[in-house]
Amino acid sequence: MRKVIMLLVGIIVVLTTILGVAVSRDEAVASVNGNKITKDDLYNLLVTQYGQGALDMLVTDEMIKLEAKEQKVNVDQKEIDNEINILQESYGGKESFNMALESTGVSLDVLENDIETYLLTKKLMAPTIEVTEEEMENYFEENKDSFAHLEQVNARHILIKDEETALEVKEKLKAGEDFAELAKEYSTDPGSAQSGGELGYFGKGEMVEAFEEVAFSIEINTISDPVKTEHGYHIIEVTEKKEAKEANFDENKEVIEETLFNQKMDSQYTTWVEELKSEYEIETFLE
């Protein structure tokens, strides 16, 4: 459902446009060599291509909100904010998320409204969905590798083309100059230079061998001598480490239950909506 949210918001924008052109539809929205393209032209195109799907979604959303009111089911702002945070993390941070949102032309208010509908749906469907202990244990066994944690390090680096300059930068670091500032000034790695050389967490097998060997061997907050790879000379600092950890069912039980619940919710959603429709008087008047 979370993945569906970002797809649906695009339809909402289209529907907003449809409703917006419903008045004064002979007014021009564009022209080509003086030939007008009217709001009526735009309206007809949007209704033909997207109208029924968008209208069905609006009808379903309204029905869900009425059902939630009937059953006294509510969603507060804290719950919505939590979902926003999850989406932001999935995009790699708030900045990337906002850029993605801006590229779709969707406002945060529209997205929050859609998330509210999703959460109401989840609460309304919850009594009909059961996730058993056996299902969770089976899922854990089938996906055990994904719950294990391999050894990881969190590091930053300064990549320099020649050894002489790399040694000069190492001396500056020894003298107490700031690692992040030197990375911005000297590093030739376009992916990390402006973020102070930050690489984030990585496990074995993700970096070139010489770099990885040093990164996993030095102590936290230790700065390495220049390490030569095919990319140049790396000065590495490890800031954090995560030890390898075997998969544990109890520690991941909540995540597994949520995953299985969402799978069942997705598979049962269409049937649930159709059953709900039978309880409401629905009329549509789309031309």
C-alpha atoms as a PDB file:
ATOM      1  CA  MET A   1       0.000   0.000   0.000  1.00  0.00           C
ATOM      2  CA  ARG A   2       2.855   2.425   0.722  1.00  0.00           C
ATOM      3  CA  LYS A   3       4.190   1.891  -2.795  1.00  0.00           C
ATOM      4  CA  VAL A   4       0.710   2.441  -4.231  1.00  0.00           C
ATOM      5  CA  ILE A   5       0.386   5.784  -2.430  1.00  0.00           C
ATOM      6  CA  MET A   6       2.992   7.518  -4.586  1.00  0.00           C
ATOM      7  CA  LEU A   7       1.326   6.190  -7.747  1.00  0.00           C
ATOM      8  CA  LEU A   8      -2.126   7.311  -6.689  1.00  0.00           C
ATOM      9  CA  VAL A   9      -1.117  10.878  -5.904  1.00  0.00           C
ATOM     10  CA  GLY A  10      -0.402  11.393  -9.586  1.00  0.00           C
ATOM     11  CA  ILE A  11      -3.989  10.445 -10.407  1.00  0.00           C
ATOM     12  CA  ILE A  12      -5.204  12.857  -7.737  1.00  0.00           C
ATOM     13  CA  VAL A  13      -3.371  15.693  -9.479  1.00  0.00           C
ATOM     14  CA  VAL A  14      -5.028  14.765 -12.748  1.00  0.00           C
ATOM     15  CA  LEU A  15      -8.437  14.669 -11.109  1.00  0.00           C
ATOM     16  CA  THR A  16      -7.837  18.079  -9.554  1.00  0.00           C
ATOM     17  CA  THR A  17      -7.152  19.375 -13.033  1.00  0.00           C
ATOM     18  CA  ILE A  18     -10.347  17.780 -14.332  1.00  0.00           C
ATOM     19  CA  LEU A  19     -12.435  19.424 -11.651  1.00  0.00           C
ATOM     20  CA  GLY A  20     -10.639  22.723 -12.147  1.00  0.00           C
ATOM     21  CA  VAL A  21     -11.532  22.914 -15.833  1.00  0.00           C
ATOM     22  CA  ALA A  22     -15.173  22.043 -15.278  1.00  0.00           C
ATOM     23  CA  VAL A  23     -16.087  25.743 -15.280  1.00  0.00           C
ATOM     24  CA  SER A  24     -15.745  28.081 -18.313  1.00  0.00           C
ATOM     25  CA  ARG A  25     -14.503  25.251 -20.467  1.00  0.00           C
ATOM     26  CA  ASP A  26     -14.389  27.359 -23.647  1.00  0.00           C
ATOM     27  CA  GLU A  27     -11.530  29.377 -22.157  1.00  0.00           C
ATOM     28  CA  ALA A  28      -8.162  28.760 -23.830  1.00  0.00           C
ATOM     29  CA  VAL A  29      -5.418  26.937 -21.945  1.00  0.00           C
ATOM     30  CA  ALA A  30      -2.950  27.083 -24.853  1.00  0.00           C
ATOM     31  CA  SER A  31      -2.693  28.056 -28.514  1.00  0.00           C
ATOM     32  CA  VAL A  32      -0.736  26.934 -31.570  1.00  0.00           C
ATOM     33  CA  ASN A  33      -0.320  29.565 -34.299  1.00  0.00           C
ATOM     34  CA  GLY A  34      -3.374  31.273 -32.848  1.00  0.00           C
ATOM     35  CA  ASN A  35      -5.490  28.080 -32.763  1.00  0.00           C
ATOM     36  CA  LYS A  36      -6.959  27.734 -29.285  1.00  0.00           C
ATOM     37  CA  ILE A  37      -6.776  24.620 -27.144  1.00  0.00           C
ATOM     38  CA  THR A  38      -9.663  25.090 -24.743  1.00  0.00           C
ATOM     39  CA  LYS A  39     -10.368  23.865 -21.266  1.00  0.00           C
ATOM     40  CA  ASP A  40     -13.093  21.771 -22.848  1.00  0.00           C
ATOM     41  CA  ASP A  41     -10.491  20.006 -25.020  1.00  0.00           C
ATOM     42  CA  LEU A  42      -8.338  19.367 -21.974  1.00  0.00           C
ATOM     43  CA  TYR A  43     -11.304  18.237 -19.904  1.00  0.00           C
ATOM     44  CA  ASN A  44     -12.445  15.721 -22.526  1.00  0.00           C
ATOM     45  CA  LEU A  45      -8.944  14.286 -22.886  1.00  0.00           C
ATOM     46  CA  LEU A  46      -8.444  13.905 -19.142  1.00  0.00           C
ATOM     47  CA  VAL A  47     -11.878  12.383 -18.585  1.00  0.00           C
ATOM     48  CA  THR A  48     -11.390   9.945 -21.444  1.00  0.00           C
ATOM     49  CA  GLN A  49      -7.978   8.785 -20.274  1.00  0.00           C
ATOM     50  CA  TYR A  50      -8.157   9.095 -16.484  1.00  0.00           C
ATOM     51  CA  GLY A  51     -11.665  10.080 -15.469  1.00  0.00           C
ATOM     52  CA  GLN A  52     -13.186   6.766 -14.501  1.00  0.00           C
ATOM     53  CA  GLY A  53     -10.156   5.485 -12.597  1.00  0.00           C
ATOM     54  CA  ALA A  54      -9.767   8.749 -10.699  1.00  0.00           C
ATOM     55  CA  LEU A  55     -13.486   8.929  -9.938  1.00  0.00           C
ATOM     56  CA  ASP A  56     -13.502   5.338  -8.673  1.00  0.00           C
ATOM     57  CA  MET A  57     -10.633   6.190  -6.354  1.00  0.00           C
ATOM     58  CA  LEU A  58     -12.451   9.245  -4.997  1.00  0.00           C
ATOM     59  CA  VAL A  59     -15.608   7.217  -4.426  1.00  0.00           C
ATOM     60  CA  THR A  60     -13.605   4.559  -2.571  1.00  0.00           C
ATOM     61  CA  ASP A  61     -11.824   7.155  -0.439  1.00  0.00           C
ATOM     62  CA  GLU A  62     -15.114   8.800   0.506  1.00  0.00           C
ATOM     63  CA  MET A  63     -16.636   5.436   1.359  1.00  0.00           C
ATOM     64  CA  ILE A  64     -13.642   4.541   3.558  1.00  0.00           C
ATOM     65  CA  LYS A  65     -13.913   7.836   5.445  1.00  0.00           C
ATOM     66  CA  LEU A  66     -17.642   7.318   6.023  1.00  0.00           C
ATOM     67  CA  GLU A  67     -17.013   3.779   7.230  1.00  0.00           C
ATOM     68  CA  ALA A  68     -14.272   4.998   9.569  1.00  0.00           C
ATOM     69  CA  LYS A  69     -16.653   7.588  11.005  1.00  0.00           C
ATOM     70  CA  GLU A  70     -19.316   4.930  11.457  1.00  0.00           C
ATOM     71  CA  GLN A  71     -16.902   2.624  13.294  1.00  0.00           C
ATOM     72  CA  LYS A  72     -15.282   5.520  15.210  1.00  0.00           C
ATOM     73  CA  VAL A  73     -11.864   4.820  13.706  1.00  0.00           C
ATOM     74  CA  ASN A  74      -9.461   7.770  13.710  1.00  0.00           C
ATOM     75  CA  VAL A  75      -5.956   8.658  12.520  1.00  0.00           C
ATOM     76  CA  ASP A  76      -3.964  11.375  14.270  1.00  0.00           C
ATOM     77  CA  GLN A  77      -1.216  13.609  12.881  1.00  0.00           C
ATOM     78  CA  LYS A  78       1.500  11.673  14.718  1.00  0.00           C
ATOM     79  CA  GLU A  79       0.591   8.516  12.775  1.00  0.00           C
ATOM     80  CA  ILE A  80       0.677  10.417   9.490  1.00  0.00           C
ATOM     81  CA  ASP A  81       4.046  11.972  10.355  1.00  0.00           C
ATOM     82  CA  ASN A  82       5.431   8.504  11.089  1.00  0.00           C
ATOM     83  CA  GLU A  83       4.453   7.317   7.602  1.00  0.00           C
ATOM     84  CA  ILE A  84       6.019  10.442   6.094  1.00  0.00           C
ATOM     85  CA  ASN A  85       9.247   9.642   7.951  1.00  0.00           C
ATOM     86  CA  ILE A  86       9.206   6.095   6.553  1.00  0.00           C
ATOM     87  CA  LEU A  87       8.776   7.454   3.030  1.00  0.00           C
ATOM     88  CA  GLN A  88      11.590   9.950   3.565  1.00  0.00           C
ATOM     89  CA  GLU A  89      13.919   7.169   4.715  1.00  0.00           C
ATOM     90  CA  SER A  90      13.003   5.069   1.670  1.00  0.00           C
ATOM     91  CA  TYR A  91      14.086   7.973  -0.550  1.00  0.00           C
ATOM     92  CA  GLY A  92      17.365   8.373   1.318  1.00  0.00           C
ATOM     93  CA  GLY A  93      16.417  11.420   3.362  1.00  0.00           C
ATOM     94  CA  LYS A  94      14.128  14.423   3.581  1.00  0.00           C
ATOM     95  CA  GLU A  95      15.841  16.360   0.799  1.00  0.00           C
ATOM     96  CA  SER A  96      15.592  13.532  -1.760  1.00  0.00           C
ATOM     97  CA  PHE A  97      11.992  12.906  -0.732  1.00  0.00           C
ATOM     98  CA  ASN A  98      11.035  16.562  -1.212  1.00  0.00           C
ATOM     99  CA  MET A  99      12.690  16.585  -4.633  1.00  0.00           C
ATOM    100  CA  ALA A 100      10.724  13.481  -5.649  1.00  0.00           C
ATOM    101  CA  LEU A 101       7.518  15.036  -4.357  1.00  0.00           C
ATOM    102  CA  GLU A 102       8.210  18.265  -6.242  1.00  0.00           C
ATOM    103  CA  SER A 103       8.891  16.370  -9.469  1.00  0.00           C
ATOM    104  CA  THR A 104       5.408  14.800  -9.308  1.00  0.00           C
ATOM    105  CA  GLY A 105       3.753  18.172  -8.736  1.00  0.00           C
ATOM    106  CA  VAL A 106       2.032  16.849  -5.628  1.00  0.00           C
ATOM    107  CA  SER A 107       1.759  18.891  -2.446  1.00  0.00           C
ATOM    108  CA  LEU A 108       2.493  17.496   0.997  1.00  0.00           C
ATOM    109  CA  ASP A 109      -1.137  18.143   1.961  1.00  0.00           C
ATOM    110  CA  VAL A 110      -2.374  15.877  -0.833  1.00  0.00           C
ATOM    111  CA  LEU A 111       0.071  13.170   0.180  1.00  0.00           C
ATOM    112  CA  GLU A 112      -0.921  13.407   3.851  1.00  0.00           C
ATOM    113  CA  ASN A 113      -4.580  13.060   2.908  1.00  0.00           C
ATOM    114  CA  ASP A 114      -3.751   9.924   0.922  1.00  0.00           C
ATOM    115  CA  ILE A 115      -1.751   8.511   3.825  1.00  0.00           C
ATOM    116  CA  GLU A 116      -4.656   9.182   6.171  1.00  0.00           C
ATOM    117  CA  THR A 117      -6.926   7.143   3.887  1.00  0.00           C
ATOM    118  CA  TYR A 118      -4.369   4.323   3.813  1.00  0.00           C
ATOM    119  CA  LEU A 119      -4.131   4.236   7.622  1.00  0.00           C
ATOM    120  CA  LEU A 120      -7.917   4.293   8.000  1.00  0.00           C
ATOM    121  CA  THR A 121      -8.111   1.392   5.555  1.00  0.00           C
ATOM    122  CA  LYS A 122      -5.496  -0.513   7.510  1.00  0.00           C
ATOM    123  CA  LYS A 123      -7.384  -0.062  10.779  1.00  0.00           C
ATOM    124  CA  LEU A 124     -10.722  -0.984   9.196  1.00  0.00           C
ATOM    125  CA  MET A 125      -9.307  -4.159   7.612  1.00  0.00           C
ATOM    126  CA  ALA A 126      -7.293  -5.226  10.669  1.00  0.00           C
ATOM    127  CA  PRO A 127     -10.125  -7.235  12.332  1.00  0.00           C
ATOM    128  CA  THR A 128     -10.444  -9.399   9.203  1.00  0.00           C
ATOM    129  CA  ILE A 129      -6.716 -10.191   8.907  1.00  0.00           C
ATOM    130  CA  GLU A 130      -4.931 -12.751  11.056  1.00  0.00           C
ATOM    131  CA  VAL A 131      -1.209 -13.463  11.055  1.00  0.00           C
ATOM    132  CA  THR A 132      -0.389 -16.692  12.911  1.00  0.00           C
ATOM    133  CA  GLU A 133       2.759 -17.619  14.803  1.00  0.00           C
ATOM    134  CA  GLU A 134       3.357 -20.464  12.366  1.00  0.00           C
ATOM    135  CA  GLU A 135       3.203 -18.107   9.373  1.00  0.00           C
ATOM    136  CA  MET A 136       5.718 -15.787  11.003  1.00  0.00           C
ATOM    137  CA  GLU A 137       8.104 -18.629  11.834  1.00  0.00           C
ATOM    138  CA  ASN A 138       7.869 -19.997   8.290  1.00  0.00           C
ATOM    139  CA  TYR A 139       8.541 -16.552   6.837  1.00  0.00           C
ATOM    140  CA  PHE A 140      11.554 -16.150   9.121  1.00  0.00           C
ATOM    141  CA  GLU A 141      13.036 -19.488   8.045  1.00  0.00           C
ATOM    142  CA  GLU A 142      12.454 -18.754   4.357  1.00  0.00           C
ATOM    143  CA  ASN A 143      14.056 -15.303   4.632  1.00  0.00           C
ATOM    144  CA  LYS A 144      16.606 -15.934   7.350  1.00  0.00           C
ATOM    145  CA  ASP A 145      19.542 -14.450   5.453  1.00  0.00           C
ATOM    146  CA  SER A 146      17.797 -11.083   5.161  1.00  0.00           C
ATOM    147  CA  PHE A 147      17.495 -10.844   8.956  1.00  0.00           C
ATOM    148  CA  ALA A 148      21.170 -11.553   9.631  1.00  0.00           C
ATOM    149  CA  HIS A 149      23.524  -8.600  10.040  1.00  0.00           C
ATOM    150  CA  LEU A 150      26.950  -8.853   8.414  1.00  0.00           C
ATOM    151  CA  GLU A 151      29.896  -6.916   9.769  1.00  0.00           C
ATOM    152  CA  GLN A 152      29.759  -3.312   8.577  1.00  0.00           C
ATOM    153  CA  VAL A 153      31.777  -0.130   8.954  1.00  0.00           C
ATOM    154  CA  ASN A 154      30.760   3.492   8.605  1.00  0.00           C
ATOM    155  CA  ALA A 155      33.580   5.394   6.946  1.00  0.00           C
ATOM    156  CA  ARG A 156      34.565   8.517   5.097  1.00  0.00           C
ATOM    157  CA  HIS A 157      37.443   9.063   2.704  1.00  0.00           C
ATOM    158  CA  ILE A 158      39.394  11.613   0.726  1.00  0.00           C
ATOM    159  CA  LEU A 159      40.283  10.386  -2.771  1.00  0.00           C
ATOM    160  CA  ILE A 160      43.338  12.012  -4.358  1.00  0.00           C
ATOM    161  CA  LYS A 161      44.862  11.276  -7.754  1.00  0.00           C
ATOM    162  CA  ASP A 162      48.562  11.465  -6.835  1.00  0.00           C
ATOM    163  CA  GLU A 163      50.500  10.138  -3.858  1.00  0.00           C
ATOM    164  CA  GLU A 164      52.382  13.378  -3.183  1.00  0.00           C
ATOM    165  CA  THR A 165      49.201  15.384  -2.617  1.00  0.00           C
ATOM    166  CA  ALA A 166      47.712  12.513  -0.599  1.00  0.00           C
ATOM    167  CA  LEU A 167      50.698  12.614   1.770  1.00  0.00           C
ATOM    168  CA  GLU A 168      50.328  16.387   2.102  1.00  0.00           C
ATOM    169  CA  VAL A 169      46.668  15.999   3.050  1.00  0.00           C
ATOM    170  CA  LYS A 170      47.573  13.293   5.571  1.00  0.00           C
ATOM    171  CA  GLU A 171      49.991  15.750   7.222  1.00  0.00           C
ATOM    172  CA  LYS A 172      47.248  18.376   7.379  1.00  0.00           C
ATOM    173  CA  LEU A 173      45.031  15.850   9.148  1.00  0.00           C
ATOM    174  CA  LYS A 174      47.813  15.036  11.599  1.00  0.00           C
ATOM    175  CA  ALA A 175      48.083  18.756  12.315  1.00  0.00           C
ATOM    176  CA  GLY A 176      44.416  18.802  13.303  1.00  0.00           C
ATOM    177  CA  GLU A 177      42.740  20.185  10.185  1.00  0.00           C
ATOM    178  CA  ASP A 178      39.102  19.181   9.642  1.00  0.00           C
ATOM    179  CA  PHE A 179      38.581  15.949   7.668  1.00  0.00           C
ATOM    180  CA  ALA A 180      35.282  17.058   6.100  1.00  0.00           C
ATOM    181  CA  GLU A 181      36.666  20.390   4.931  1.00  0.00           C
ATOM    182  CA  LEU A 182      39.738  18.738   3.418  1.00  0.00           C
ATOM    183  CA  ALA A 183      37.486  16.232   1.640  1.00  0.00           C
ATOM    184  CA  LYS A 184      35.504  19.081   0.089  1.00  0.00           C
ATOM    185  CA  GLU A 185      38.713  20.784  -0.995  1.00  0.00           C
ATOM    186  CA  TYR A 186      40.799  17.854  -2.240  1.00  0.00           C
ATOM    187  CA  SER A 187      38.639  14.768  -2.863  1.00  0.00           C
ATOM    188  CA  THR A 188      38.048  13.773  -6.482  1.00  0.00           C
ATOM    189  CA  ASP A 189      35.167  11.463  -5.563  1.00  0.00           C
ATOM    190  CA  PRO A 190      32.098  13.359  -6.861  1.00  0.00           C
ATOM    191  CA  GLY A 191      29.739  11.135  -4.917  1.00  0.00           C
ATOM    192  CA  SER A 192      31.102  11.965  -1.465  1.00  0.00           C
ATOM    193  CA  ALA A 193      33.349  15.050  -1.617  1.00  0.00           C
ATOM    194  CA  GLN A 194      30.682  17.654  -0.855  1.00  0.00           C
ATOM    195  CA  SER A 195      29.316  15.591   2.022  1.00  0.00           C
ATOM    196  CA  GLY A 196      32.723  15.618   3.707  1.00  0.00           C
ATOM    197  CA  GLY A 197      33.775  12.272   2.247  1.00  0.00           C
ATOM    198  CA  GLU A 198      30.919  10.352   3.936  1.00  0.00           C
ATOM    199  CA  LEU A 199      30.357   6.872   2.500  1.00  0.00           C
ATOM    200  CA  GLY A 200      27.846   5.564   5.047  1.00  0.00           C
ATOM    201  CA  TYR A 201      27.755   1.955   6.205  1.00  0.00           C
ATOM    202  CA  PHE A 202      29.039  -0.805   3.914  1.00  0.00           C
ATOM    203  CA  GLY A 203      29.843  -4.473   4.264  1.00  0.00           C
ATOM    204  CA  LYS A 204      32.565  -6.683   2.873  1.00  0.00           C
ATOM    205  CA  GLY A 205      32.462  -7.160  -0.868  1.00  0.00           C
ATOM    206  CA  GLU A 206      31.053  -3.699  -1.597  1.00  0.00           C
ATOM    207  CA  MET A 207      34.329  -1.808  -2.041  1.00  0.00           C
ATOM    208  CA  VAL A 208      37.544  -2.518  -3.947  1.00  0.00           C
ATOM    209  CA  GLU A 209      39.715  -5.038  -2.099  1.00  0.00           C
ATOM    210  CA  ALA A 210      42.606  -2.780  -1.006  1.00  0.00           C
ATOM    211  CA  PHE A 211      40.241  -0.118   0.317  1.00  0.00           C
ATOM    212  CA  GLU A 212      38.076  -2.663   2.115  1.00  0.00           C
ATOM    213  CA  GLU A 213      41.023  -4.435   3.726  1.00  0.00           C
ATOM    214  CA  VAL A 214      42.139  -1.221   5.436  1.00  0.00           C
ATOM    215  CA  ALA A 215      38.631  -0.017   6.315  1.00  0.00           C
ATOM    216  CA  PHE A 216      37.823  -3.221   8.184  1.00  0.00           C
ATOM    217  CA  SER A 217      41.198  -3.446   9.934  1.00  0.00           C
ATOM    218  CA  ILE A 218      41.707   0.024  11.428  1.00  0.00           C
ATOM    219  CA  GLU A 219      40.174   1.159  14.705  1.00  0.00           C
ATOM    220  CA  ILE A 220      37.308   3.627  15.036  1.00  0.00           C
ATOM    221  CA  ASN A 221      38.378   7.286  14.628  1.00  0.00           C
ATOM    222  CA  THR A 222      41.728   6.210  13.198  1.00  0.00           C
ATOM    223  CA  ILE A 223      42.877   7.849   9.959  1.00  0.00           C
ATOM    224  CA  SER A 224      44.735   5.588   7.549  1.00  0.00           C
ATOM    225  CA  ASP A 225      47.819   6.280   5.485  1.00  0.00           C
ATOM    226  CA  PRO A 226      47.035   6.761   1.763  1.00  0.00           C
ATOM    227  CA  VAL A 227      45.687   3.527   0.291  1.00  0.00           C
ATOM    228  CA  LYS A 228      46.349   2.959  -3.417  1.00  0.00           C
ATOM    229  CA  THR A 229      43.594   1.546  -5.649  1.00  0.00           C
ATOM    230  CA  GLU A 230      42.815   1.883  -9.356  1.00  0.00           C
ATOM    231  CA  HIS A 231      40.894   5.067  -8.475  1.00  0.00           C
ATOM    232  CA  GLY A 232      43.812   6.853  -6.821  1.00  0.00           C
ATOM    233  CA  TYR A 233      44.924   7.279  -3.205  1.00  0.00           C
ATOM    234  CA  HIS A 234      42.353   7.041  -0.421  1.00  0.00           C
ATOM    235  CA  ILE A 235      42.725   8.472   3.064  1.00  0.00           C
ATOM    236  CA  ILE A 236      40.183   6.578   5.156  1.00  0.00           C
ATOM    237  CA  GLU A 237      38.616   7.225   8.537  1.00  0.00           C
ATOM    238  CA  VAL A 238      36.257   4.697  10.143  1.00  0.00           C
ATOM    239  CA  THR A 239      33.713   6.425  12.377  1.00  0.00           C
ATOM    240  CA  GLU A 240      31.556   3.460  13.487  1.00  0.00           C
ATOM    241  CA  LYS A 241      31.414  -0.336  13.298  1.00  0.00           C
ATOM    242  CA  LYS A 242      28.630  -2.904  13.465  1.00  0.00           C
ATOM    243  CA  GLU A 243      29.549  -6.444  14.437  1.00  0.00           C
ATOM    244  CA  ALA A 244      28.140  -9.414  12.539  1.00  0.00           C
ATOM    245  CA  LYS A 245      24.948 -10.750  14.079  1.00  0.00           C
ATOM    246  CA  GLU A 246      22.995 -13.931  13.396  1.00  0.00           C
ATOM    247  CA  ALA A 247      19.309 -13.765  12.495  1.00  0.00           C
ATOM    248  CA  ASN A 248      17.028 -13.809  15.538  1.00  0.00           C
ATOM    249  CA  PHE A 249      13.293 -14.514  15.259  1.00  0.00           C
ATOM    250  CA  ASP A 250      12.191 -12.714  18.426  1.00  0.00           C
ATOM    251  CA  GLU A 251      14.090  -9.546  17.517  1.00  0.00           C
ATOM    252  CA  ASN A 252      12.434  -9.434  14.088  1.00  0.00           C
ATOM    253  CA  LYS A 253       8.994 -10.737  14.991  1.00  0.00           C
ATOM    254  CA  GLU A 254       7.314  -7.332  14.855  1.00  0.00           C
ATOM    255  CA  VAL A 255       8.756  -6.584  11.406  1.00  0.00           C
ATOM    256  CA  ILE A 256       7.727 -10.011  10.122  1.00  0.00           C
ATOM    257  CA  GLU A 257       4.190  -9.617  11.439  1.00  0.00           C
ATOM    258  CA  GLU A 258       3.886  -6.197   9.792  1.00  0.00           C
ATOM    259  CA  THR A 259       5.212  -7.584   6.498  1.00  0.00           C
ATOM    260  CA  LEU A 260       2.760 -10.490   6.455  1.00  0.00           C
ATOM    261  CA  PHE A 261      -0.105  -8.226   7.496  1.00  0.00           C
ATOM    262  CA  ASN A 262       0.634  -5.860   4.590  1.00  0.00           C
ATOM    263  CA  GLN A 263       0.829  -8.773   2.155  1.00  0.00           C
ATOM    264  CA  LYS A 264      -2.581 -10.020   3.252  1.00  0.00           C
ATOM    265  CA  MET A 265      -3.998  -6.524   3.236  1.00  0.00           C
ATOM    266  CA  ASP A 266      -2.855  -6.002  -0.356  1.00  0.00           C
ATOM    267  CA  SER A 267      -4.290  -9.330  -1.521  1.00  0.00           C
ATOM    268  CA  GLN A 268      -7.642  -8.795   0.225  1.00  0.00           C
ATOM    269  CA  TYR A 269      -8.080  -5.088  -0.482  1.00  0.00           C
ATOM    270  CA  THR A 270     -10.066  -5.357  -3.733  1.00  0.00           C
ATOM    271  CA  THR A 271     -12.490  -7.909  -2.290  1.00  0.00           C
ATOM    272  CA  TRP A 272     -12.882  -5.831   0.878  1.00  0.00           C
ATOM    273  CA  VAL A 273     -13.704  -2.686  -1.147  1.00  0.00           C
ATOM    274  CA  GLU A 274     -16.293  -4.519  -3.248  1.00  0.00           C
ATOM    275  CA  GLU A 275     -17.975  -5.886  -0.133  1.00  0.00           C
ATOM    276  CA  LEU A 276     -17.985  -2.408   1.377  1.00  0.00           C
ATOM    277  CA  LYS A 277     -19.563  -0.934  -1.758  1.00  0.00           C
ATOM    278  CA  SER A 278     -22.560  -3.221  -1.316  1.00  0.00           C
ATOM    279  CA  GLU A 279     -23.340  -1.402   1.935  1.00  0.00           C
ATOM    280  CA  TYR A 280     -23.412   2.092   0.399  1.00  0.00           C
ATOM    281  CA  GLU A 281     -25.632   3.800  -2.136  1.00  0.00           C
ATOM    282  CA  ILE A 282     -23.241   4.924  -4.876  1.00  0.00           C
ATOM    283  CA  GLU A 283     -24.151   6.965  -7.962  1.00  0.00           C
ATOM    284  CA  THR A 284     -21.764   8.378 -10.551  1.00  0.00           C
ATOM    285  CA  PHE A 285     -22.551  11.018 -13.155  1.00  0.00           C
ATOM    286  CA  LEU A 286     -19.339  11.274 -15.154  1.00  0.00           C
ATOM    287  CA  GLU A 287     -20.062  12.030 -18.822  1.00  0.00           C
END
